[in-house]
Amino acid sequence: EGKPADNKWYSLHVTNSGITVQEENELVGKGNFAVIEALEGRLGKKI
């Protein structure tokens, strides 16, 4: 819910401990295939 007042982009990371909100810059403007490839590189193939 809600909406940021600024023009920043964010991501959500869901784990067994909860959800964290993080600012995202690298993948803004990218297509979905690039997003998946990058996140598998960051977080592992099972993400």
All heavy atoms as atom14 arrays in JSON, in Angstrom:
{
  "sequence": "EGKPADNKWYSLHVTNSGITVQEENELVGKGNFAVIEALEGRLGKKI",
  "atom14_mask": [
    [1, 1, 1, 1, 1, 1, 1, 1, 1, 0, 0, 0, 0, 0],
    [1, 1, 1, 1, 0, 0, 0, 0, 0, 0, 0, 0, 0, 0],
    [1, 1, 1, 1, 1, 1, 1, 1, 1, 0, 0, 0, 0, 0],
    [1, 1, 1, 1, 1, 1, 1, 0, 0, 0, 0, 0, 0, 0],
    [1, 1, 1, 1, 1, 0, 0, 0, 0, 0, 0, 0, 0, 0],
    [1, 1, 1, 1, 1, 1, 1, 1, 0, 0, 0, 0, 0, 0],
    [1, 1, 1, 1, 1, 1, 1, 1, 0, 0, 0, 0, 0, 0],
    [1, 1, 1, 1, 1, 1, 1, 1, 1, 0, 0, 0, 0, 0],
    [1, 1, 1, 1, 1, 1, 1, 1, 1, 1, 1, 1, 1, 1],
    [1, 1, 1, 1, 1, 1, 1, 1, 1, 1, 1, 1, 0, 0],
    [1, 1, 1, 1, 1, 1, 0, 0, 0, 0, 0, 0, 0, 0],
    [1, 1, 1, 1, 1, 1, 1, 1, 0, 0, 0, 0, 0, 0],
    [1, 1, 1, 1, 1, 1, 1, 1, 1, 1, 0, 0, 0, 0],
    [1, 1, 1, 1, 1, 1, 1, 0, 0, 0, 0, 0, 0, 0],
    [1, 1, 1, 1, 1, 1, 1, 0, 0, 0, 0, 0, 0, 0],
    [1, 1, 1, 1, 1, 1, 1, 1, 0, 0, 0, 0, 0, 0],
    [1, 1, 1, 1, 1, 1, 0, 0, 0, 0, 0, 0, 0, 0],
    [1, 1, 1, 1, 0, 0, 0, 0, 0, 0, 0, 0, 0, 0],
    [1, 1, 1, 1, 1, 1, 1, 1, 0, 0, 0, 0, 0, 0],
    [1, 1, 1, 1, 1, 1, 1, 0, 0, 0, 0, 0, 0, 0],
    [1, 1, 1, 1, 1, 1, 1, 0, 0, 0, 0, 0, 0, 0],
    [1, 1, 1, 1, 1, 1, 1, 1, 1, 0, 0, 0, 0, 0],
    [1, 1, 1, 1, 1, 1, 1, 1, 1, 0, 0, 0, 0, 0],
    [1, 1, 1, 1, 1, 1, 1, 1, 1, 0, 0, 0, 0, 0],
    [1, 1, 1, 1, 1, 1, 1, 1, 0, 0, 0, 0, 0, 0],
    [1, 1, 1, 1, 1, 1, 1, 1, 1, 0, 0, 0, 0, 0],
    [1, 1, 1, 1, 1, 1, 1, 1, 0, 0, 0, 0, 0, 0],
    [1, 1, 1, 1, 1, 1, 1, 0, 0, 0, 0, 0, 0, 0],
    [1, 1, 1, 1, 0, 0, 0, 0, 0, 0, 0, 0, 0, 0],
    [1, 1, 1, 1, 1, 1, 1, 1, 1, 0, 0, 0, 0, 0],
    [1, 1, 1, 1, 0, 0, 0, 0, 0, 0, 0, 0, 0, 0],
    [1, 1, 1, 1, 1, 1, 1, 1, 0, 0, 0, 0, 0, 0],
    [1, 1, 1, 1, 1, 1, 1, 1, 1, 1, 1, 0, 0, 0],
    [1, 1, 1, 1, 1, 0, 0, 0, 0, 0, 0, 0, 0, 0],
    [1, 1, 1, 1, 1, 1, 1, 0, 0, 0, 0, 0, 0, 0],
    [1, 1, 1, 1, 1, 1, 1, 1, 0, 0, 0, 0, 0, 0],
    [1, 1, 1, 1, 1, 1, 1, 1, 1, 0, 0, 0, 0, 0],
    [1, 1, 1, 1, 1, 0, 0, 0, 0, 0, 0, 0, 0, 0],
    [1, 1, 1, 1, 1, 1, 1, 1, 0, 0, 0, 0, 0, 0],
    [1, 1, 1, 1, 1, 1, 1, 1, 1, 0, 0, 0, 0, 0],
    [1, 1, 1, 1, 0, 0, 0, 0, 0, 0, 0, 0, 0, 0],
    [1, 1, 1, 1, 1, 1, 1, 1, 1, 1, 1, 0, 0, 0],
    [1, 1, 1, 1, 1, 1, 1, 1, 0, 0, 0, 0, 0, 0],
    [1, 1, 1, 1, 0, 0, 0, 0, 0, 0, 0, 0, 0, 0],
    [1, 1, 1, 1, 1, 1, 1, 1, 1, 0, 0, 0, 0, 0],
    [1, 1, 1, 1, 1, 1, 1, 1, 1, 0, 0, 0, 0, 0],
    [1, 1, 1, 1, 1, 1, 1, 1, 0, 0, 0, 0, 0, 0]
  ],
  "atom14_positions": [
    [[0.84, -1.2, 0.0], [0.0, 0.0, 0.0], [0.87, 1.25, 0.0], [2.09, 1.19, 0.14], [-0.92, -0.01, 1.22], [-0.19, -0.06, 2.55], [-1.11, -0.34, 3.74], [-2.23, -0.83, 3.52], [-0.69, -0.06, 4.87], [0.0, 0.0, 0.0], [0.0, 0.0, 0.0], [0.0, 0.0, 0.0], [0.0, 0.0, 0.0], [0.0, 0.0, 0.0]],
    [[0.2, 2.39, -0.19], [0.93, 3.66, -0.2], [1.71, 3.87, -1.47], [1.6, 3.14, -2.45], [0.0, 0.0, 0.0], [0.0, 0.0, 0.0], [0.0, 0.0, 0.0], [0.0, 0.0, 0.0], [0.0, 0.0, 0.0], [0.0, 0.0, 0.0], [0.0, 0.0, 0.0], [0.0, 0.0, 0.0], [0.0, 0.0, 0.0], [0.0, 0.0, 0.0]],
    [[2.57, 4.91, -1.44], [3.33, 5.29, -2.62], [4.47, 6.2, -2.17], [4.24, 7.15, -1.41], [2.4, 6.02, -3.6], [2.99, 6.35, -4.94], [1.9, 6.94, -5.85], [2.46, 7.24, -7.23], [1.4, 7.75, -8.13], [0.0, 0.0, 0.0], [0.0, 0.0, 0.0], [0.0, 0.0, 0.0], [0.0, 0.0, 0.0], [0.0, 0.0, 0.0]],
    [[5.7, 5.96, -2.64], [6.81, 6.81, -2.21], [6.61, 8.26, -2.67], [6.08, 8.52, -3.76], [8.03, 6.19, -2.9], [7.62, 4.8, -3.24], [6.15, 4.86, -3.5], [0.0, 0.0, 0.0], [0.0, 0.0, 0.0], [0.0, 0.0, 0.0], [0.0, 0.0, 0.0], [0.0, 0.0, 0.0], [0.0, 0.0, 0.0], [0.0, 0.0, 0.0]],
    [[7.06, 9.17, -1.85], [6.97, 10.59, -2.22], [8.08, 10.97, -3.19], [7.94, 11.95, -3.94], [7.05, 11.45, -0.96], [0.0, 0.0, 0.0], [0.0, 0.0, 0.0], [0.0, 0.0, 0.0], [0.0, 0.0, 0.0], [0.0, 0.0, 0.0], [0.0, 0.0, 0.0], [0.0, 0.0, 0.0], [0.0, 0.0, 0.0], [0.0, 0.0, 0.0]],
    [[9.17, 10.21, -3.18], [10.28, 10.52, -4.08], [10.18, 9.69, -5.36], [9.23, 8.93, -5.55], [11.62, 10.28, -3.38], [11.72, 8.85, -2.83], [11.18, 7.93, -3.46], [12.34, 8.66, -1.76], [0.0, 0.0, 0.0], [0.0, 0.0, 0.0], [0.0, 0.0, 0.0], [0.0, 0.0, 0.0], [0.0, 0.0, 0.0], [0.0, 0.0, 0.0]],
    [[11.15, 9.83, -6.23], [11.16, 9.09, -7.49], [12.09, 7.88, -7.46], [12.46, 7.36, -8.5], [11.58, 10.03, -8.65], [10.49, 11.02, -9.0], [9.3, 10.67, -8.98], [10.87, 12.25, -9.29], [0.0, 0.0, 0.0], [0.0, 0.0, 0.0], [0.0, 0.0, 0.0], [0.0, 0.0, 0.0], [0.0, 0.0, 0.0], [0.0, 0.0, 0.0]],
    [[12.46, 7.46, -6.26], [13.34, 6.31, -6.15], [12.58, 5.01, -6.45], [11.37, 4.94, -6.29], [13.94, 6.24, -4.74], [14.86, 7.4, -4.39], [15.35, 7.27, -2.96], [16.26, 8.44, -2.59], [16.7, 8.35, -1.17], [0.0, 0.0, 0.0], [0.0, 0.0, 0.0], [0.0, 0.0, 0.0], [0.0, 0.0, 0.0], [0.0, 0.0, 0.0]],
    [[13.35, 4.01, -6.88], [12.8, 2.67, -7.1], [13.25, 1.77, -5.97], [14.32, 1.96, -5.38], [13.24, 2.1, -8.44], [12.45, 2.68, -9.59], [12.79, 3.76, -10.34], [11.2, 2.21, -10.09], [11.81, 4.0, -11.28], [10.83, 3.05, -11.15], [10.36, 1.15, -9.75], [9.65, 2.87, -11.87], [9.18, 0.97, -10.46], [8.84, 1.83, -11.51]],
    [[12.43, 0.75, -5.69], [12.69, -0.14, -4.57], [12.48, -1.59, -4.98], [11.92, -1.9, -6.03], [11.77, 0.21, -3.4], [11.98, 1.6, -2.85], [11.3, 2.69, -3.39], [12.88, 1.83, -1.81], [11.5, 3.97, -2.9], [13.08, 3.11, -1.31], [12.39, 4.17, -1.87], [12.6, 5.43, -1.38], [0.0, 0.0, 0.0], [0.0, 0.0, 0.0]],
    [[12.95, -2.48, -4.1], [12.65, -3.9, -4.23], [12.23, -4.43, -2.87], [12.52, -3.81, -1.83], [13.87, -4.67, -4.74], [14.91, -4.64, -3.77], [0.0, 0.0, 0.0], [0.0, 0.0, 0.0], [0.0, 0.0, 0.0], [0.0, 0.0, 0.0], [0.0, 0.0, 0.0], [0.0, 0.0, 0.0], [0.0, 0.0, 0.0], [0.0, 0.0, 0.0]],
    [[11.52, -5.54, -2.87], [11.18, -6.24, -1.64], [11.91, -7.57, -1.63], [11.97, -8.26, -2.65], [9.67, -6.5, -1.54], [8.71, -5.32, -1.72], [7.28, -5.77, -1.5], [9.07, -4.17, -0.8], [0.0, 0.0, 0.0], [0.0, 0.0, 0.0], [0.0, 0.0, 0.0], [0.0, 0.0, 0.0], [0.0, 0.0, 0.0], [0.0, 0.0, 0.0]],
    [[12.45, -7.94, -0.48], [13.12, -9.23, -0.34], [12.4, -10.0, 0.77], [12.33, -9.56, 1.92], [14.59, -9.06, 0.01], [15.35, -10.35, 0.04], [15.32, -11.26, -1.0], [16.17, -10.89, 0.99], [16.08, -12.3, -0.7], [16.61, -12.1, 0.51], [0.0, 0.0, 0.0], [0.0, 0.0, 0.0], [0.0, 0.0, 0.0], [0.0, 0.0, 0.0]],
    [[11.84, -11.16, 0.4], [11.03, -11.96, 1.31], [11.85, -13.16, 1.76], [12.37, -13.93, 0.93], [9.74, -12.45, 0.6], [8.85, -13.19, 1.6], [8.99, -11.29, -0.04], [0.0, 0.0, 0.0], [0.0, 0.0, 0.0], [0.0, 0.0, 0.0], [0.0, 0.0, 0.0], [0.0, 0.0, 0.0], [0.0, 0.0, 0.0], [0.0, 0.0, 0.0]],
    [[11.96, -13.34, 3.07], [12.67, -14.49, 3.64], [11.85, -15.04, 4.81], [10.79, -14.49, 5.17], [14.07, -14.11, 4.16], [13.93, -13.27, 5.31], [14.87, -13.38, 3.09], [0.0, 0.0, 0.0], [0.0, 0.0, 0.0], [0.0, 0.0, 0.0], [0.0, 0.0, 0.0], [0.0, 0.0, 0.0], [0.0, 0.0, 0.0], [0.0, 0.0, 0.0]],
    [[12.38, -16.07, 5.44], [11.72, -16.64, 6.61], [11.71, -15.67, 7.78], [10.95, -15.83, 8.72], [12.42, -17.95, 7.0], [11.59, -18.79, 7.95], [10.37, -18.79, 7.89], [12.26, -19.51, 8.84], [0.0, 0.0, 0.0], [0.0, 0.0, 0.0], [0.0, 0.0, 0.0], [0.0, 0.0, 0.0], [0.0, 0.0, 0.0], [0.0, 0.0, 0.0]],
    [[12.56, -14.65, 7.73], [12.62, -13.66, 8.82], [11.69, -12.47, 8.61], [11.48, -11.68, 9.53], [14.07, -13.15, 8.96], [14.95, -14.2, 9.24], [0.0, 0.0, 0.0], [0.0, 0.0, 0.0], [0.0, 0.0, 0.0], [0.0, 0.0, 0.0], [0.0, 0.0, 0.0], [0.0, 0.0, 0.0], [0.0, 0.0, 0.0], [0.0, 0.0, 0.0]],
    [[11.16, -12.32, 7.39], [10.28, -11.18, 7.12], [10.52, -10.59, 5.75], [11.08, -11.25, 4.86], [0.0, 0.0, 0.0], [0.0, 0.0, 0.0], [0.0, 0.0, 0.0], [0.0, 0.0, 0.0], [0.0, 0.0, 0.0], [0.0, 0.0, 0.0], [0.0, 0.0, 0.0], [0.0, 0.0, 0.0], [0.0, 0.0, 0.0], [0.0, 0.0, 0.0]],
    [[10.1, -9.34, 5.56], [10.26, -8.64, 4.29], [11.05, -7.37, 4.53], [10.73, -6.59, 5.43], [8.9, -8.3, 3.66], [8.1, -9.59, 3.35], [9.08, -7.48, 2.38], [6.73, -9.33, 2.75], [0.0, 0.0, 0.0], [0.0, 0.0, 0.0], [0.0, 0.0, 0.0], [0.0, 0.0, 0.0], [0.0, 0.0, 0.0], [0.0, 0.0, 0.0]],
    [[12.07, -7.17, 3.72], [12.84, -5.93, 3.79], [12.61, -5.13, 2.51], [12.46, -5.7, 1.42], [14.34, -6.2, 3.96], [14.79, -7.08, 2.91], [14.61, -6.85, 5.3], [0.0, 0.0, 0.0], [0.0, 0.0, 0.0], [0.0, 0.0, 0.0], [0.0, 0.0, 0.0], [0.0, 0.0, 0.0], [0.0, 0.0, 0.0], [0.0, 0.0, 0.0]],
    [[12.57, -3.81, 2.66], [12.43, -2.9, 1.53], [13.79, -2.27, 1.27], [14.42, -1.72, 2.17], [11.4, -1.79, 1.83], [11.2, -0.88, 0.62], [10.07, -2.4, 2.28], [0.0, 0.0, 0.0], [0.0, 0.0, 0.0], [0.0, 0.0, 0.0], [0.0, 0.0, 0.0], [0.0, 0.0, 0.0], [0.0, 0.0, 0.0], [0.0, 0.0, 0.0]],
    [[14.25, -2.37, 0.02], [15.59, -1.88, -0.32], [15.51, -0.99, -1.55], [14.73, -1.25, -2.47], [16.52, -3.07, -0.6], [16.67, -4.03, 0.57], [17.32, -5.35, 0.19], [17.15, -5.83, -0.91], [18.08, -5.92, 1.12], [0.0, 0.0, 0.0], [0.0, 0.0, 0.0], [0.0, 0.0, 0.0], [0.0, 0.0, 0.0], [0.0, 0.0, 0.0]],
    [[16.32, 0.05, -1.56], [16.39, 0.89, -2.74], [17.05, 0.1, -3.88], [17.99, -0.66, -3.66], [17.18, 2.16, -2.45], [17.14, 3.18, -3.59], [17.87, 4.48, -3.26], [18.12, 4.74, -2.05], [18.19, 5.22, -4.21], [0.0, 0.0, 0.0], [0.0, 0.0, 0.0], [0.0, 0.0, 0.0], [0.0, 0.0, 0.0], [0.0, 0.0, 0.0]],
    [[16.55, 0.29, -5.11], [17.07, -0.46, -6.26], [17.43, 0.51, -7.37], [16.6, 1.34, -7.77], [16.03, -1.46, -6.77], [16.42, -2.21, -8.03], [17.7, -3.03, -7.85], [17.89, -3.64, -6.76], [18.52, -3.05, -8.8], [0.0, 0.0, 0.0], [0.0, 0.0, 0.0], [0.0, 0.0, 0.0], [0.0, 0.0, 0.0], [0.0, 0.0, 0.0]],
    [[18.64, 0.42, -7.85], [19.09, 1.27, -8.96], [19.55, 0.47, -10.17], [19.26, 0.83, -11.31], [20.25, 2.18, -8.49], [19.81, 3.17, -7.42], [18.84, 3.89, -7.62], [20.5, 3.19, -6.29], [0.0, 0.0, 0.0], [0.0, 0.0, 0.0], [0.0, 0.0, 0.0], [0.0, 0.0, 0.0], [0.0, 0.0, 0.0], [0.0, 0.0, 0.0]],
    [[20.23, -0.63, -9.93], [20.89, -1.37, -11.01], [19.91, -1.89, -12.06], [20.21, -1.85, -13.26], [21.67, -2.54, -10.42], [22.34, -3.42, -11.47], [22.87, -4.72, -10.89], [22.96, -4.85, -9.65], [23.19, -5.63, -11.67], [0.0, 0.0, 0.0], [0.0, 0.0, 0.0], [0.0, 0.0, 0.0], [0.0, 0.0, 0.0], [0.0, 0.0, 0.0]],
    [[18.75, -2.38, -11.65], [17.88, -3.1, -12.58], [16.72, -2.26, -13.11], [15.92, -2.76, -13.9], [17.35, -4.37, -11.89], [18.45, -5.38, -11.53], [17.88, -6.57, -10.79], [19.21, -5.83, -12.77], [0.0, 0.0, 0.0], [0.0, 0.0, 0.0], [0.0, 0.0, 0.0], [0.0, 0.0, 0.0], [0.0, 0.0, 0.0], [0.0, 0.0, 0.0]],
    [[16.63, -1.02, -12.7], [15.6, -0.14, -13.25], [15.87, 0.09, -14.73], [17.01, 0.33, -15.14], [15.57, 1.2, -12.49], [14.55, 2.15, -13.1], [15.27, 0.95, -11.01], [0.0, 0.0, 0.0], [0.0, 0.0, 0.0], [0.0, 0.0, 0.0], [0.0, 0.0, 0.0], [0.0, 0.0, 0.0], [0.0, 0.0, 0.0], [0.0, 0.0, 0.0]],
    [[14.83, -0.02, -15.54], [14.98, 0.12, -16.98], [15.3, -1.17, -17.7], [15.34, -1.2, -18.93], [0.0, 0.0, 0.0], [0.0, 0.0, 0.0], [0.0, 0.0, 0.0], [0.0, 0.0, 0.0], [0.0, 0.0, 0.0], [0.0, 0.0, 0.0], [0.0, 0.0, 0.0], [0.0, 0.0, 0.0], [0.0, 0.0, 0.0], [0.0, 0.0, 0.0]],
    [[15.53, -2.25, -16.94], [15.86, -3.54, -17.53], [14.61, -4.37, -17.79], [13.59, -4.2, -17.13], [16.79, -4.33, -16.6], [18.08, -3.64, -16.24], [19.03, -3.54, -17.43], [20.39, -3.01, -16.99], [21.32, -2.86, -18.12], [0.0, 0.0, 0.0], [0.0, 0.0, 0.0], [0.0, 0.0, 0.0], [0.0, 0.0, 0.0], [0.0, 0.0, 0.0]],
    [[14.74, -5.3, -18.75], [13.67, -6.24, -19.02], [13.64, -7.36, -18.0], [14.57, -7.56, -17.2], [0.0, 0.0, 0.0], [0.0, 0.0, 0.0], [0.0, 0.0, 0.0], [0.0, 0.0, 0.0], [0.0, 0.0, 0.0], [0.0, 0.0, 0.0], [0.0, 0.0, 0.0], [0.0, 0.0, 0.0], [0.0, 0.0, 0.0], [0.0, 0.0, 0.0]],
    [[12.56, -8.15, -18.03], [12.37, -9.19, -17.03], [13.44, -10.27, -17.07], [13.85, -10.79, -16.04], [10.98, -9.82, -17.21], [9.88, -8.91, -16.73], [9.88, -8.44, -15.6], [8.92, -8.63, -17.61], [0.0, 0.0, 0.0], [0.0, 0.0, 0.0], [0.0, 0.0, 0.0], [0.0, 0.0, 0.0], [0.0, 0.0, 0.0], [0.0, 0.0, 0.0]],
    [[13.9, -10.63, -18.27], [14.92, -11.67, -18.35], [16.22, -11.22, -17.68], [16.88, -11.99, -16.98], [15.19, -12.05, -19.81], [14.05, -12.77, -20.47], [13.43, -12.24, -21.6], [13.59, -13.99, -19.98], [12.38, -12.9, -22.21], [12.53, -14.66, -20.59], [11.92, -14.11, -21.71], [0.0, 0.0, 0.0], [0.0, 0.0, 0.0], [0.0, 0.0, 0.0]],
    [[16.58, -9.96, -17.87], [17.79, -9.44, -17.24], [17.62, -9.37, -15.73], [18.59, -9.6, -14.98], [18.12, -8.05, -17.8], [0.0, 0.0, 0.0], [0.0, 0.0, 0.0], [0.0, 0.0, 0.0], [0.0, 0.0, 0.0], [0.0, 0.0, 0.0], [0.0, 0.0, 0.0], [0.0, 0.0, 0.0], [0.0, 0.0, 0.0], [0.0, 0.0, 0.0]],
    [[16.43, -9.05, -15.26], [16.18, -9.0, -13.82], [16.38, -10.38, -13.2], [17.07, -10.54, -12.18], [14.76, -8.48, -13.53], [14.41, -8.65, -12.05], [14.63, -7.01, -13.93], [0.0, 0.0, 0.0], [0.0, 0.0, 0.0], [0.0, 0.0, 0.0], [0.0, 0.0, 0.0], [0.0, 0.0, 0.0], [0.0, 0.0, 0.0], [0.0, 0.0, 0.0]],
    [[15.8, -11.4, -13.83], [15.93, -12.76, -13.3], [17.39, -13.2, -13.3], [17.89, -13.74, -12.31], [15.06, -13.74, -14.11], [13.58, -13.46, -13.85], [15.41, -15.19, -13.78], [12.62, -14.23, -14.74], [0.0, 0.0, 0.0], [0.0, 0.0, 0.0], [0.0, 0.0, 0.0], [0.0, 0.0, 0.0], [0.0, 0.0, 0.0], [0.0, 0.0, 0.0]],
    [[18.1, -12.95, -14.39], [19.5, -13.35, -14.48], [20.33, -12.66, -13.39], [21.17, -13.29, -12.73], [20.05, -13.02, -15.86], [21.5, -13.43, -16.06], [22.03, -13.11, -17.46], [21.32, -12.43, -18.23], [23.15, -13.54, -17.76], [0.0, 0.0, 0.0], [0.0, 0.0, 0.0], [0.0, 0.0, 0.0], [0.0, 0.0, 0.0], [0.0, 0.0, 0.0]],
    [[20.09, -11.37, -13.21], [20.86, -10.62, -12.2], [20.57, -11.1, -10.79], [21.49, -11.24, -9.97], [20.57, -9.13, -12.33], [0.0, 0.0, 0.0], [0.0, 0.0, 0.0], [0.0, 0.0, 0.0], [0.0, 0.0, 0.0], [0.0, 0.0, 0.0], [0.0, 0.0, 0.0], [0.0, 0.0, 0.0], [0.0, 0.0, 0.0], [0.0, 0.0, 0.0]],
    [[19.3, -11.36, -10.5], [18.94, -11.79, -9.15], [19.44, -13.2, -8.85], [19.82, -13.5, -7.71], [17.42, -11.7, -8.95], [16.87, -10.28, -8.92], [15.36, -10.28, -8.75], [17.52, -9.46, -7.8], [0.0, 0.0, 0.0], [0.0, 0.0, 0.0], [0.0, 0.0, 0.0], [0.0, 0.0, 0.0], [0.0, 0.0, 0.0], [0.0, 0.0, 0.0]],
    [[19.46, -14.05, -9.85], [20.05, -15.37, -9.63], [21.55, -15.25, -9.36], [22.11, -16.02, -8.56], [19.78, -16.27, -10.83], [18.32, -16.72, -10.92], [18.07, -17.72, -12.03], [18.91, -17.83, -12.96], [17.01, -18.39, -11.98], [0.0, 0.0, 0.0], [0.0, 0.0, 0.0], [0.0, 0.0, 0.0], [0.0, 0.0, 0.0], [0.0, 0.0, 0.0]],
    [[22.19, -14.27, -10.0], [23.6, -14.02, -9.71], [23.81, -13.48, -8.31], [24.77, -13.85, -7.62], [0.0, 0.0, 0.0], [0.0, 0.0, 0.0], [0.0, 0.0, 0.0], [0.0, 0.0, 0.0], [0.0, 0.0, 0.0], [0.0, 0.0, 0.0], [0.0, 0.0, 0.0], [0.0, 0.0, 0.0], [0.0, 0.0, 0.0], [0.0, 0.0, 0.0]],
    [[22.9, -12.62, -7.85], [23.02, -12.04, -6.51], [22.65, -13.04, -5.41], [23.31, -13.11, -4.37], [22.08, -10.84, -6.36], [22.43, -9.57, -7.08], [21.4, -8.51, -6.65], [21.35, -7.38, -7.57], [20.48, -6.37, -7.46], [19.61, -6.38, -6.45], [20.48, -5.38, -8.33], [0.0, 0.0, 0.0], [0.0, 0.0, 0.0], [0.0, 0.0, 0.0]],
    [[21.55, -13.76, -5.65], [20.9, -14.49, -4.55], [20.83, -16.0, -4.74], [20.35, -16.7, -3.85], [19.48, -13.93, -4.36], [19.39, -12.44, -4.08], [17.95, -11.94, -4.19], [19.94, -12.13, -2.69], [0.0, 0.0, 0.0], [0.0, 0.0, 0.0], [0.0, 0.0, 0.0], [0.0, 0.0, 0.0], [0.0, 0.0, 0.0], [0.0, 0.0, 0.0]],
    [[21.27, -16.5, -5.9], [21.26, -17.93, -6.14], [20.14, -18.37, -7.08], [19.13, -17.68, -7.23], [0.0, 0.0, 0.0], [0.0, 0.0, 0.0], [0.0, 0.0, 0.0], [0.0, 0.0, 0.0], [0.0, 0.0, 0.0], [0.0, 0.0, 0.0], [0.0, 0.0, 0.0], [0.0, 0.0, 0.0], [0.0, 0.0, 0.0], [0.0, 0.0, 0.0]],
    [[20.33, -19.54, -7.68], [19.41, -20.02, -8.71], [18.02, -20.32, -8.18], [17.04, -20.3, -8.93], [19.98, -21.29, -9.36], [21.22, -21.06, -10.21], [20.89, -20.39, -11.53], [20.18, -21.34, -12.48], [19.95, -20.73, -13.81], [0.0, 0.0, 0.0], [0.0, 0.0, 0.0], [0.0, 0.0, 0.0], [0.0, 0.0, 0.0], [0.0, 0.0, 0.0]],
    [[17.9, -20.61, -6.88], [16.61, -21.01, -6.33], [15.71, -19.83, -5.97], [14.57, -20.02, -5.57], [16.82, -21.89, -5.11], [17.45, -23.24, -5.41], [17.57, -24.09, -4.16], [18.19, -25.45, -4.47], [18.3, -26.29, -3.24], [0.0, 0.0, 0.0], [0.0, 0.0, 0.0], [0.0, 0.0, 0.0], [0.0, 0.0, 0.0], [0.0, 0.0, 0.0]],
    [[16.22, -18.63, -6.13], [15.45, -17.45, -5.7], [14.18, -17.3, -6.54], [14.17, -17.51, -7.75], [16.32, -16.17, -5.81], [15.69, -15.04, -5.0], [16.54, -15.75, -7.25], [15.84, -15.23, -3.51], [0.0, 0.0, 0.0], [0.0, 0.0, 0.0], [0.0, 0.0, 0.0], [0.0, 0.0, 0.0], [0.0, 0.0, 0.0], [0.0, 0.0, 0.0]]
  ]
}
